[in-house]
Amino acid sequence: MANEIRKEYSNDGFTIVWKPGRCIHSGICVKTLPNVYDPKAKPWITPENASTTALIKQIDQCPSRALSYIKN
């Protein structure tokens, strides 16, 4: 989808990509890493609050694939 909204949240060497149009709000991200994903905060994703390994493991569990990542 060429016009798909995409938001990026980065820390040193790692970027989380969130596509809100794909999100089904399963809550897996918030339940798994509540220190990273806080829907009430701005920004709501803070990747610096977890290790890259933990982030990758959680992102791979996203059922809608609204979350993905880029290793910078």
PDB file of N, CA and C in Angstrom:
ATOM      1  N   MET A   1       0.841  -1.172   0.000  1.00  0.00           N
ATOM      2  CA  MET A   1       0.000   0.000   0.000  1.00  0.00           C
ATOM      3  C   MET A   1       0.890   1.239   0.000  1.00  0.00           C
ATOM      4  N   ALA A   2       0.860   1.999  -1.044  1.00  0.00           N
ATOM      5  CA  ALA A   2       1.768   3.128  -1.197  1.00  0.00           C
ATOM      6  C   ALA A   2       1.501   4.252  -0.191  1.00  0.00           C
ATOM      7  N   ASN A   3       0.256   4.476   0.189  1.00  0.00           N
ATOM      8  CA  ASN A   3      -0.090   5.572   1.085  1.00  0.00           C
ATOM      9  C   ASN A   3      -0.249   5.137   2.537  1.00  0.00           C
ATOM     10  N   GLU A   4       0.244   3.975   2.863  1.00  0.00           N
ATOM     11  CA  GLU A   4       0.104   3.453   4.218  1.00  0.00           C
ATOM     12  C   GLU A   4       0.888   4.318   5.209  1.00  0.00           C
ATOM     13  N   ILE A   5       0.227   4.707   6.300  1.00  0.00           N
ATOM     14  CA  ILE A   5       0.894   5.483   7.341  1.00  0.00           C
ATOM     15  C   ILE A   5       1.909   4.592   8.042  1.00  0.00           C
ATOM     16  N   ARG A   6       3.059   5.163   8.305  1.00  0.00           N
ATOM     17  CA  ARG A   6       4.164   4.425   8.916  1.00  0.00           C
ATOM     18  C   ARG A   6       4.856   5.357   9.896  1.00  0.00           C
ATOM     19  N   LYS A   7       5.028   4.900  11.118  1.00  0.00           N
ATOM     20  CA  LYS A   7       5.711   5.702  12.133  1.00  0.00           C
ATOM     21  C   LYS A   7       6.925   4.924  12.619  1.00  0.00           C
ATOM     22  N   GLU A   8       8.005   5.647  12.865  1.00  0.00           N
ATOM     23  CA  GLU A   8       9.252   5.007  13.271  1.00  0.00           C
ATOM     24  C   GLU A   8       9.709   5.537  14.620  1.00  0.00           C
ATOM     25  N   TYR A   9      10.221   4.616  15.435  1.00  0.00           N
ATOM     26  CA  TYR A   9      10.717   4.926  16.785  1.00  0.00           C
ATOM     27  C   TYR A   9      12.084   4.276  16.902  1.00  0.00           C
ATOM     28  N   SER A  10      13.125   5.081  17.115  1.00  0.00           N
ATOM     29  CA  SER A  10      14.496   4.569  17.050  1.00  0.00           C
ATOM     30  C   SER A  10      15.253   4.707  18.360  1.00  0.00           C
ATOM     31  N   ASN A  11      16.199   3.790  18.536  1.00  0.00           N
ATOM     32  CA  ASN A  11      17.243   3.932  19.537  1.00  0.00           C
ATOM     33  C   ASN A  11      18.549   3.664  18.799  1.00  0.00           C
ATOM     34  N   ASP A  12      19.626   3.516  19.488  1.00  0.00           N
ATOM     35  CA  ASP A  12      20.916   3.317  18.837  1.00  0.00           C
ATOM     36  C   ASP A  12      20.926   2.030  18.023  1.00  0.00           C
ATOM     37  N   GLY A  13      20.926   2.168  16.711  1.00  0.00           N
ATOM     38  CA  GLY A  13      21.079   1.020  15.837  1.00  0.00           C
ATOM     39  C   GLY A  13      19.836   0.198  15.583  1.00  0.00           C
ATOM     40  N   PHE A  14      18.670   0.638  16.049  1.00  0.00           N
ATOM     41  CA  PHE A  14      17.453  -0.169  15.916  1.00  0.00           C
ATOM     42  C   PHE A  14      16.247   0.747  15.779  1.00  0.00           C
ATOM     43  N   THR A  15      15.367   0.434  14.842  1.00  0.00           N
ATOM     44  CA  THR A  15      14.154   1.221  14.624  1.00  0.00           C
ATOM     45  C   THR A  15      12.938   0.310  14.608  1.00  0.00           C
ATOM     46  N   ILE A  16      11.944   0.655  15.414  1.00  0.00           N
ATOM     47  CA  ILE A  16      10.659  -0.031  15.375  1.00  0.00           C
ATOM     48  C   ILE A  16       9.781   0.724  14.391  1.00  0.00           C
ATOM     49  N   VAL A  17       9.167  -0.008  13.480  1.00  0.00           N
ATOM     50  CA  VAL A  17       8.249   0.565  12.500  1.00  0.00           C
ATOM     51  C   VAL A  17       6.842   0.113  12.883  1.00  0.00           C
ATOM     52  N   TRP A  18       5.937   1.089  13.023  1.00  0.00           N
ATOM     53  CA  TRP A  18       4.546   0.785  13.361  1.00  0.00           C
ATOM     54  C   TRP A  18       3.652   1.288  12.235  1.00  0.00           C
ATOM     55  N   LYS A  19       2.797   0.401  11.742  1.00  0.00           N
ATOM     56  CA  LYS A  19       1.827   0.736  10.704  1.00  0.00           C
ATOM     57  C   LYS A  19       0.440   0.679  11.349  1.00  0.00           C
ATOM     58  N   PRO A  20      -0.064   1.836  11.813  1.00  0.00           N
ATOM     59  CA  PRO A  20      -1.311   1.852  12.567  1.00  0.00           C
ATOM     60  C   PRO A  20      -2.516   1.311  11.806  1.00  0.00           C
ATOM     61  N   GLY A  21      -2.524   1.424  10.498  1.00  0.00           N
ATOM     62  CA  GLY A  21      -3.635   0.908   9.703  1.00  0.00           C
ATOM     63  C   GLY A  21      -3.744  -0.601   9.725  1.00  0.00           C
ATOM     64  N   ARG A  22      -2.671  -1.272  10.060  1.00  0.00           N
ATOM     65  CA  ARG A  22      -2.666  -2.738  10.137  1.00  0.00           C
ATOM     66  C   ARG A  22      -2.949  -3.254  11.550  1.00  0.00           C
ATOM     67  N   CYS A  23      -2.800  -2.394  12.539  1.00  0.00           N
ATOM     68  CA  CYS A  23      -2.881  -2.814  13.931  1.00  0.00           C
ATOM     69  C   CYS A  23      -4.291  -3.298  14.285  1.00  0.00           C
ATOM     70  N   ILE A  24      -4.364  -4.487  14.908  1.00  0.00           N
ATOM     71  CA  ILE A  24      -5.656  -5.027  15.351  1.00  0.00           C
ATOM     72  C   ILE A  24      -5.813  -4.883  16.861  1.00  0.00           C
ATOM     73  N   HIS A  25      -4.893  -4.199  17.503  1.00  0.00           N
ATOM     74  CA  HIS A  25      -4.942  -3.893  18.940  1.00  0.00           C
ATOM     75  C   HIS A  25      -5.102  -5.149  19.799  1.00  0.00           C
ATOM     76  N   SER A  26      -4.315  -6.156  19.475  1.00  0.00           N
ATOM     77  CA  SER A  26      -4.341  -7.396  20.256  1.00  0.00           C
ATOM     78  C   SER A  26      -3.773  -7.189  21.654  1.00  0.00           C
ATOM     79  N   GLY A  27      -2.911  -6.194  21.799  1.00  0.00           N
ATOM     80  CA  GLY A  27      -2.330  -5.889  23.103  1.00  0.00           C
ATOM     81  C   GLY A  27      -1.116  -6.714  23.468  1.00  0.00           C
ATOM     82  N   ILE A  28      -0.674  -7.570  22.577  1.00  0.00           N
ATOM     83  CA  ILE A  28       0.492  -8.404  22.866  1.00  0.00           C
ATOM     84  C   ILE A  28       1.717  -7.543  23.149  1.00  0.00           C
ATOM     85  N   CYS A  29       1.892  -6.483  22.410  1.00  0.00           N
ATOM     86  CA  CYS A  29       3.064  -5.620  22.610  1.00  0.00           C
ATOM     87  C   CYS A  29       3.043  -5.004  24.007  1.00  0.00           C
ATOM     88  N   VAL A  30       1.903  -4.481  24.405  1.00  0.00           N
ATOM     89  CA  VAL A  30       1.784  -3.828  25.716  1.00  0.00           C
ATOM     90  C   VAL A  30       1.935  -4.838  26.844  1.00  0.00           C
ATOM     91  N   LYS A  31       1.360  -6.013  26.694  1.00  0.00           N
ATOM     92  CA  LYS A  31       1.452  -7.047  27.732  1.00  0.00           C
ATOM     93  C   LYS A  31       2.869  -7.602  27.850  1.00  0.00           C
ATOM     94  N   THR A  32       3.557  -7.719  26.718  1.00  0.00           N
ATOM     95  CA  THR A  32       4.893  -8.309  26.714  1.00  0.00           C
ATOM     96  C   THR A  32       5.959  -7.330  27.202  1.00  0.00           C
ATOM     97  N   LEU A  33       5.910  -6.095  26.724  1.00  0.00           N
ATOM     98  CA  LEU A  33       6.927  -5.090  27.083  1.00  0.00           C
ATOM     99  C   LEU A  33       6.251  -3.776  27.477  1.00  0.00           C
ATOM    100  N   PRO A  34       5.617  -3.737  28.647  1.00  0.00           N
ATOM    101  CA  PRO A  34       4.913  -2.521  29.059  1.00  0.00           C
ATOM    102  C   PRO A  34       5.827  -1.311  29.266  1.00  0.00           C
ATOM    103  N   ASN A  35       7.114  -1.537  29.468  1.00  0.00           N
ATOM    104  CA  ASN A  35       8.045  -0.413  29.606  1.00  0.00           C
ATOM    105  C   ASN A  35       8.384   0.222  28.259  1.00  0.00           C
ATOM    106  N   VAL A  36       8.078  -0.489  27.172  1.00  0.00           N
ATOM    107  CA  VAL A  36       8.342   0.008  25.824  1.00  0.00           C
ATOM    108  C   VAL A  36       7.072   0.580  25.201  1.00  0.00           C
ATOM    109  N   TYR A  37       5.965  -0.143  25.358  1.00  0.00           N
ATOM    110  CA  TYR A  37       4.704   0.231  24.718  1.00  0.00           C
ATOM    111  C   TYR A  37       3.714   0.748  25.764  1.00  0.00           C
ATOM    112  N   ASP A  38       3.414   2.038  25.686  1.00  0.00           N
ATOM    113  CA  ASP A  38       2.466   2.660  26.608  1.00  0.00           C
ATOM    114  C   ASP A  38       1.506   3.514  25.791  1.00  0.00           C
ATOM    115  N   PRO A  39       0.312   2.999  25.489  1.00  0.00           N
ATOM    116  CA  PRO A  39      -0.625   3.721  24.628  1.00  0.00           C
ATOM    117  C   PRO A  39      -1.035   5.098  25.159  1.00  0.00           C
ATOM    118  N   LYS A  40      -0.835   5.353  26.436  1.00  0.00           N
ATOM    119  CA  LYS A  40      -1.216   6.642  27.015  1.00  0.00           C
ATOM    120  C   LYS A  40      -0.091   7.674  26.952  1.00  0.00           C
ATOM    121  N   ALA A  41       1.104   7.247  26.593  1.00  0.00           N
ATOM    122  CA  ALA A  41       2.274   8.137  26.568  1.00  0.00           C
ATOM    123  C   ALA A  41       2.506   8.711  25.168  1.00  0.00           C
ATOM    124  N   LYS A  42       3.272   9.767  25.120  1.00  0.00           N
ATOM    125  CA  LYS A  42       3.712  10.372  23.855  1.00  0.00           C
ATOM    126  C   LYS A  42       5.220  10.504  23.914  1.00  0.00           C
ATOM    127  N   PRO A  43       6.017   9.866  23.097  1.00  0.00           N
ATOM    128  CA  PRO A  43       5.604   8.845  22.148  1.00  0.00           C
ATOM    129  C   PRO A  43       5.194   7.562  22.869  1.00  0.00           C
ATOM    130  N   TRP A  44       4.370   6.794  22.231  1.00  0.00           N
ATOM    131  CA  TRP A  44       3.857   5.596  22.897  1.00  0.00           C
ATOM    132  C   TRP A  44       4.816   4.415  22.813  1.00  0.00           C
ATOM    133  N   ILE A  45       5.815   4.496  21.938  1.00  0.00           N
ATOM    134  CA  ILE A  45       6.831   3.444  21.827  1.00  0.00           C
ATOM    135  C   ILE A  45       8.182   4.044  22.193  1.00  0.00           C
ATOM    136  N   THR A  46       8.848   3.444  23.185  1.00  0.00           N
ATOM    137  CA  THR A  46      10.184   3.883  23.599  1.00  0.00           C
ATOM    138  C   THR A  46      11.131   2.680  23.561  1.00  0.00           C
ATOM    139  N   PRO A  47      11.738   2.435  22.402  1.00  0.00           N
ATOM    140  CA  PRO A  47      12.575   1.250  22.233  1.00  0.00           C
ATOM    141  C   PRO A  47      13.798   1.214  23.136  1.00  0.00           C
ATOM    142  N   GLU A  48      14.229   2.357  23.646  1.00  0.00           N
ATOM    143  CA  GLU A  48      15.395   2.376  24.533  1.00  0.00           C
ATOM    144  C   GLU A  48      15.133   1.698  25.872  1.00  0.00           C
ATOM    145  N   ASN A  49      13.887   1.342  26.149  1.00  0.00           N
ATOM    146  CA  ASN A  49      13.538   0.719  27.428  1.00  0.00           C
ATOM    147  C   ASN A  49      13.620  -0.808  27.419  1.00  0.00           C
ATOM    148  N   ALA A  50      14.184  -1.389  26.369  1.00  0.00           N
ATOM    149  CA  ALA A  50      14.369  -2.849  26.311  1.00  0.00           C
ATOM    150  C   ALA A  50      15.571  -3.162  25.432  1.00  0.00           C
ATOM    151  N   SER A  51      16.061  -4.351  25.564  1.00  0.00           N
ATOM    152  CA  SER A  51      17.182  -4.784  24.729  1.00  0.00           C
ATOM    153  C   SER A  51      16.695  -5.054  23.306  1.00  0.00           C
ATOM    154  N   THR A  52      17.601  -4.982  22.367  1.00  0.00           N
ATOM    155  CA  THR A  52      17.265  -5.284  20.972  1.00  0.00           C
ATOM    156  C   THR A  52      16.721  -6.699  20.851  1.00  0.00           C
ATOM    157  N   THR A  53      17.306  -7.638  21.578  1.00  0.00           N
ATOM    158  CA  THR A  53      16.843  -9.030  21.539  1.00  0.00           C
ATOM    159  C   THR A  53      15.399  -9.145  22.017  1.00  0.00           C
ATOM    160  N   ALA A  54      15.070  -8.470  23.113  1.00  0.00           N
ATOM    161  CA  ALA A  54      13.695  -8.509  23.636  1.00  0.00           C
ATOM    162  C   ALA A  54      12.727  -7.848  22.664  1.00  0.00           C
ATOM    163  N   LEU A  55      13.134  -6.759  22.042  1.00  0.00           N
ATOM    164  CA  LEU A  55      12.274  -6.078  21.074  1.00  0.00           C
ATOM    165  C   LEU A  55      11.987  -6.965  19.869  1.00  0.00           C
ATOM    166  N   ILE A  56      13.013  -7.588  19.329  1.00  0.00           N
ATOM    167  CA  ILE A  56      12.833  -8.469  18.168  1.00  0.00           C
ATOM    168  C   ILE A  56      11.905  -9.626  18.513  1.00  0.00           C
ATOM    169  N   LYS A  57      12.110 -10.233  19.663  1.00  0.00           N
ATOM    170  CA  LYS A  57      11.264 -11.356  20.085  1.00  0.00           C
ATOM    171  C   LYS A  57       9.799 -10.926  20.182  1.00  0.00           C
ATOM    172  N   GLN A  58       9.551  -9.756  20.750  1.00  0.00           N
ATOM    173  CA  GLN A  58       8.183  -9.261  20.882  1.00  0.00           C
ATOM    174  C   GLN A  58       7.594  -8.898  19.527  1.00  0.00           C
ATOM    175  N   ILE A  59       8.332  -8.173  18.700  1.00  0.00           N
ATOM    176  CA  ILE A  59       7.836  -7.748  17.384  1.00  0.00           C
ATOM    177  C   ILE A  59       7.483  -8.957  16.526  1.00  0.00           C
ATOM    178  N   ASP A  60       8.260 -10.005  16.617  1.00  0.00           N
ATOM    179  CA  ASP A  60       7.975 -11.224  15.850  1.00  0.00           C
ATOM    180  C   ASP A  60       6.664 -11.885  16.275  1.00  0.00           C
ATOM    181  N   GLN A  61       6.135 -11.514  17.433  1.00  0.00           N
ATOM    182  CA  GLN A  61       4.869 -12.076  17.924  1.00  0.00           C
ATOM    183  C   GLN A  61       3.642 -11.254  17.499  1.00  0.00           C
ATOM    184  N   CYS A  62       3.842 -10.121  16.854  1.00  0.00           N
ATOM    185  CA  CYS A  62       2.734  -9.253  16.463  1.00  0.00           C
ATOM    186  C   CYS A  62       1.855  -9.969  15.426  1.00  0.00           C
ATOM    187  N   PRO A  63       0.590 -10.275  15.770  1.00  0.00           N
ATOM    188  CA  PRO A  63      -0.243 -11.071  14.870  1.00  0.00           C
ATOM    189  C   PRO A  63      -0.649 -10.355  13.585  1.00  0.00           C
ATOM    190  N   SER A  64      -0.713  -9.042  13.603  1.00  0.00           N
ATOM    191  CA  SER A  64      -1.139  -8.303  12.412  1.00  0.00           C
ATOM    192  C   SER A  64       0.037  -7.830  11.561  1.00  0.00           C
ATOM    193  N   ARG A  65       1.239  -7.981  12.079  1.00  0.00           N
ATOM    194  CA  ARG A  65       2.464  -7.480  11.440  1.00  0.00           C
ATOM    195  C   ARG A  65       2.446  -5.962  11.318  1.00  0.00           C
ATOM    196  N   ALA A  66       1.722  -5.309  12.229  1.00  0.00           N
ATOM    197  CA  ALA A  66       1.730  -3.846  12.270  1.00  0.00           C
ATOM    198  C   ALA A  66       3.063  -3.351  12.793  1.00  0.00           C
ATOM    199  N   LEU A  67       3.772  -4.182  13.539  1.00  0.00           N
ATOM    200  CA  LEU A  67       5.095  -3.847  14.044  1.00  0.00           C
ATOM    201  C   LEU A  67       6.153  -4.602  13.247  1.00  0.00           C
ATOM    202  N   SER A  68       7.184  -3.907  12.881  1.00  0.00           N
ATOM    203  CA  SER A  68       8.348  -4.534  12.256  1.00  0.00           C
ATOM    204  C   SER A  68       9.567  -3.741  12.726  1.00  0.00           C
ATOM    205  N   TYR A  69      10.725  -4.106  12.242  1.00  0.00           N
ATOM    206  CA  TYR A  69      11.934  -3.412  12.703  1.00  0.00           C
ATOM    207  C   TYR A  69      12.966  -3.325  11.601  1.00  0.00           C
ATOM    208  N   ILE A  70      13.864  -2.384  11.798  1.00  0.00           N
ATOM    209  CA  ILE A  70      15.007  -2.177  10.913  1.00  0.00           C
ATOM    210  C   ILE A  70      16.244  -2.122  11.791  1.00  0.00           C
ATOM    211  N   LYS A  71      17.248  -2.898  11.463  1.00  0.00           N
ATOM    212  CA  LYS A  71      18.535  -2.782  12.141  1.00  0.00           C
ATOM    213  C   LYS A  71      19.327  -1.743  11.386  1.00  0.00           C
ATOM    214  N   ASN A  72      19.582  -0.609  12.026  1.00  0.00           N
ATOM    215  CA  ASN A  72      20.264   0.513  11.372  1.00  0.00           C
ATOM    216  C   ASN A  72      21.734   0.247  11.174  1.00  0.00           C
TER     217      ASN A  72
END
